[in-house]
C-alpha atoms as a PDB file:
ATOM      1  CA  UNK A   1      -1.746 -33.635 -21.095  1.00  0.00           C
ATOM      2  CA  UNK A   2      -4.425 -31.049 -21.698  1.00  0.00           C
ATOM      3  CA  UNK A   3      -5.816 -29.453 -18.551  1.00  0.00           C
ATOM      4  CA  UNK A   4      -9.586 -28.944 -18.387  1.00  0.00           C
ATOM      5  CA  UNK A   5     -11.133 -27.266 -15.353  1.00  0.00           C
ATOM      6  CA  UNK A   6     -14.544 -28.619 -16.401  1.00  0.00           C
ATOM      7  CA  UNK A   7     -13.304 -32.193 -15.985  1.00  0.00           C
ATOM      8  CA  UNK A   8     -14.071 -33.288 -12.428  1.00  0.00           C
ATOM      9  CA  UNK A   9     -10.796 -35.216 -12.184  1.00  0.00           C
ATOM     10  CA  UNK A  10      -8.576 -32.385 -13.396  1.00  0.00           C
ATOM     11  CA  UNK A  11      -6.225 -30.999 -10.720  1.00  0.00           C
ATOM     12  CA  UNK A  12      -6.958 -27.484 -11.942  1.00  0.00           C
ATOM     13  CA  UNK A  13     -10.144 -27.777  -9.875  1.00  0.00           C
ATOM     14  CA  UNK A  14      -8.012 -27.587  -6.729  1.00  0.00           C
ATOM     15  CA  UNK A  15      -6.454 -24.357  -7.978  1.00  0.00           C
ATOM     16  CA  UNK A  16      -9.885 -22.984  -8.822  1.00  0.00           C
ATOM     17  CA  UNK A  17     -11.066 -23.816  -5.299  1.00  0.00           C
ATOM     18  CA  UNK A  18      -8.122 -21.876  -3.878  1.00  0.00           C
ATOM     19  CA  UNK A  19      -8.377 -18.756  -6.035  1.00  0.00           C
ATOM     20  CA  UNK A  20     -12.188 -18.554  -5.987  1.00  0.00           C
ATOM     21  CA  UNK A  21     -12.177 -18.238  -2.188  1.00  0.00           C
ATOM     22  CA  UNK A  22     -13.061 -14.802  -0.804  1.00  0.00           C
ATOM     23  CA  UNK A  23     -10.318 -14.976   1.833  1.00  0.00           C
ATOM     24  CA  UNK A  24      -7.726 -15.699  -0.857  1.00  0.00           C
ATOM     25  CA  UNK A  25      -8.873 -12.672  -2.853  1.00  0.00           C
ATOM     26  CA  UNK A  26      -8.655 -10.422   0.215  1.00  0.00           C
ATOM     27  CA  UNK A  27      -5.313 -11.771   1.459  1.00  0.00           C
ATOM     28  CA  UNK A  28      -3.689 -11.489  -1.972  1.00  0.00           C
ATOM     29  CA  UNK A  29      -5.036  -7.924  -2.172  1.00  0.00           C
ATOM     30  CA  UNK A  30      -3.521  -7.100   1.188  1.00  0.00           C
ATOM     31  CA  UNK A  31      -0.167  -8.653   0.305  1.00  0.00           C
ATOM     32  CA  UNK A  32      -0.162  -6.748  -2.990  1.00  0.00           C
ATOM     33  CA  UNK A  33       0.792  -3.691  -0.908  1.00  0.00           C
ATOM     34  CA  UNK A  34       3.864  -5.453   0.453  1.00  0.00           C
ATOM     35  CA  UNK A  35       5.106  -7.866   3.084  1.00  0.00           C
ATOM     36  CA  UNK A  36       2.785  -8.283   6.065  1.00  0.00           C
ATOM     37  CA  UNK A  37       2.890  -9.923   9.452  1.00  0.00           C
ATOM     38  CA  UNK A  38       0.070 -12.206  10.601  1.00  0.00           C
ATOM     39  CA  UNK A  39      -1.473  -9.612  12.923  1.00  0.00           C
ATOM     40  CA  UNK A  40      -1.401  -6.970  10.203  1.00  0.00           C
ATOM     41  CA  UNK A  41      -3.236  -9.290   7.828  1.00  0.00           C
ATOM     42  CA  UNK A  42      -5.811 -10.157  10.466  1.00  0.00           C
ATOM     43  CA  UNK A  43      -6.515  -6.474  11.141  1.00  0.00           C
ATOM     44  CA  UNK A  44      -6.675  -5.576   7.461  1.00  0.00           C
ATOM     45  CA  UNK A  45      -8.905  -8.473   6.357  1.00  0.00           C
ATOM     46  CA  UNK A  46     -12.008  -7.695   8.399  1.00  0.00           C
ATOM     47  CA  UNK A  47     -14.036 -10.641   9.649  1.00  0.00           C
ATOM     48  CA  UNK A  48     -11.448 -13.358   9.149  1.00  0.00           C
ATOM     49  CA  UNK A  49     -10.804 -15.601  12.136  1.00  0.00           C
ATOM     50  CA  UNK A  50      -7.317 -16.545  13.261  1.00  0.00           C
ATOM     51  CA  UNK A  51      -8.003 -20.150  12.259  1.00  0.00           C
ATOM     52  CA  UNK A  52      -9.225 -19.230   8.779  1.00  0.00           C
ATOM     53  CA  UNK A  53      -6.316 -16.846   8.199  1.00  0.00           C
ATOM     54  CA  UNK A  54      -3.868 -19.569   9.234  1.00  0.00           C
ATOM     55  CA  UNK A  55      -5.530 -22.172   6.989  1.00  0.00           C
ATOM     56  CA  UNK A  56      -5.689 -19.839   4.010  1.00  0.00           C
ATOM     57  CA  UNK A  57      -2.078 -18.703   4.376  1.00  0.00           C
ATOM     58  CA  UNK A  58      -0.905 -22.321   4.627  1.00  0.00           C
ATOM     59  CA  UNK A  59      -2.842 -23.212   1.480  1.00  0.00           C
ATOM     60  CA  UNK A  60      -1.491 -20.203  -0.382  1.00  0.00           C
ATOM     61  CA  UNK A  61       2.032 -21.121   0.679  1.00  0.00           C
ATOM     62  CA  UNK A  62       1.513 -24.748  -0.356  1.00  0.00           C
ATOM     63  CA  UNK A  63       0.280 -23.632  -3.779  1.00  0.00           C
ATOM     64  CA  UNK A  64       3.316 -21.383  -4.252  1.00  0.00           C
ATOM     65  CA  UNK A  65       1.381 -18.099  -4.134  1.00  0.00           C
ATOM     66  CA  UNK A  66       2.720 -16.815  -0.807  1.00  0.00           C
ATOM     67  CA  UNK A  67       6.065 -17.170   0.884  1.00  0.00           C
ATOM     68  CA  UNK A  68       6.541 -17.224   4.649  1.00  0.00           C
ATOM     69  CA  UNK A  69       9.743 -16.098   6.327  1.00  0.00           C
ATOM     70  CA  UNK A  70      10.376 -16.897   9.992  1.00  0.00           C
ATOM     71  CA  UNK A  71      12.919 -14.791  11.864  1.00  0.00           C
ATOM     72  CA  UNK A  72      14.705 -16.332  14.846  1.00  0.00           C
ATOM     73  CA  UNK A  73      13.726 -13.692  17.374  1.00  0.00           C
ATOM     74  CA  UNK A  74      11.934 -13.848  20.698  1.00  0.00           C
ATOM     75  CA  UNK A  75       9.045 -13.930  20.104  1.00  0.00           C
ATOM     76  CA  UNK A  76       9.438 -15.338  16.587  1.00  0.00           C
ATOM     77  CA  UNK A  77       8.677 -12.866  13.807  1.00  0.00           C
ATOM     78  CA  UNK A  78       6.853 -14.248  10.746  1.00  0.00           C
ATOM     79  CA  UNK A  79       6.280 -12.326   7.529  1.00  0.00           C
ATOM     80  CA  UNK A  80       4.222 -13.172   4.462  1.00  0.00           C
ATOM     81  CA  UNK A  81       4.813 -11.970   0.907  1.00  0.00           C
ATOM     82  CA  UNK A  82       3.492 -12.738  -2.545  1.00  0.00           C
ATOM     83  CA  UNK A  83       5.620 -14.917  -4.771  1.00  0.00           C
ATOM     84  CA  UNK A  84       6.057 -14.094  -8.442  1.00  0.00           C
ATOM     85  CA  UNK A  85       3.258 -16.582  -9.153  1.00  0.00           C
ATOM     86  CA  UNK A  86       1.051 -14.929  -6.529  1.00  0.00           C
ATOM     87  CA  UNK A  87       1.632 -11.529  -8.124  1.00  0.00           C
ATOM     88  CA  UNK A  88       0.124 -12.830 -11.370  1.00  0.00           C
ATOM     89  CA  UNK A  89      -3.249 -12.932  -9.586  1.00  0.00           C
ATOM     90  CA  UNK A  90      -3.187  -9.294  -8.432  1.00  0.00           C
ATOM     91  CA  UNK A  91      -4.729  -7.786 -11.566  1.00  0.00           C
ATOM     92  CA  UNK A  92      -7.307 -10.580 -11.813  1.00  0.00           C
ATOM     93  CA  UNK A  93      -8.413 -10.043  -8.217  1.00  0.00           C
ATOM     94  CA  UNK A  94      -8.303  -6.263  -8.576  1.00  0.00           C
ATOM     95  CA  UNK A  95     -10.825  -6.609 -11.391  1.00  0.00           C
ATOM     96  CA  UNK A  96     -13.075  -8.791  -9.246  1.00  0.00           C
ATOM     97  CA  UNK A  97     -12.871  -6.385  -6.287  1.00  0.00           C
ATOM     98  CA  UNK A  98     -13.576  -3.418  -8.540  1.00  0.00           C
ATOM     99  CA  UNK A  99     -16.541  -5.183 -10.171  1.00  0.00           C
ATOM    100  CA  UNK A 100     -17.937  -6.083  -6.725  1.00  0.00           C
ATOM    101  CA  UNK A 101     -17.698  -2.535  -5.425  1.00  0.00           C
ATOM    102  CA  UNK A 102     -19.018  -0.994  -8.650  1.00  0.00           C
ATOM    103  CA  UNK A 103     -22.013  -3.304  -8.985  1.00  0.00           C
ATOM    104  CA  UNK A 104     -23.101  -3.964  -5.410  1.00  0.00           C
ATOM    105  CA  UNK A 105     -26.093  -1.638  -5.629  1.00  0.00           C
ATOM    106  CA  UNK A 106     -27.486  -3.472  -8.668  1.00  0.00           C
ATOM    107  CA  UNK A 107     -26.864  -6.837  -7.030  1.00  0.00           C
ATOM    108  CA  UNK A 108     -28.649  -5.743  -3.850  1.00  0.00           C
ATOM    109  CA  UNK A 109     -31.630  -4.460  -5.895  1.00  0.00           C
ATOM    110  CA  UNK A 110     -31.780  -7.744  -7.806  1.00  0.00           C
ATOM    111  CA  UNK A 111     -31.733  -9.706  -4.544  1.00  0.00           C
ATOM    112  CA  UNK A 112     -34.467  -7.541  -3.083  1.00  0.00           C
ATOM    113  CA  UNK A 113     -36.623  -8.025  -6.192  1.00  0.00           C
ATOM    114  CA  UNK A 114     -35.996 -11.785  -6.218  1.00  0.00           C
ATOM    115  CA  UNK A 115     -36.809 -12.142  -2.517  1.00  0.00           C
ATOM    116  CA  UNK A 116     -39.980 -10.052  -2.853  1.00  0.00           C
ATOM    117  CA  UNK A 117     -41.447 -12.373  -5.504  1.00  0.00           C
ATOM    118  CA  UNK A 118     -42.103 -15.045  -2.903  1.00  0.00           C
ATOM    119  CA  UNK A 119     -41.300 -17.961  -5.208  1.00  0.00           C
ATOM    120  CA  UNK A 120     -37.739 -18.393  -4.069  1.00  0.00           C
END
């Protein structure tokens, strides 16, 4: 079978939904530096709620991008790491983060110009 992300019925759309999410980009970037605990991720990824971090991590684990290890301690210790598959996204996301930081001034100017036209 030939996969085609432009076909509305293709399951690659689900993968695109996952990897096009800003929280996914930021979490993968954080985990690129090494294994992290939940609280560390929440502190590092500014603005993410506990609920959204939990949902995103579960989705990333389900898709085979992140692995979760639970240690039988009191309280339980949980750590998250990138899988080999998850590591394949690091350079892609690094490029997106770099582009965002390098071009934000132009984007903000374009938005300001667009908004000032009054025909939006």
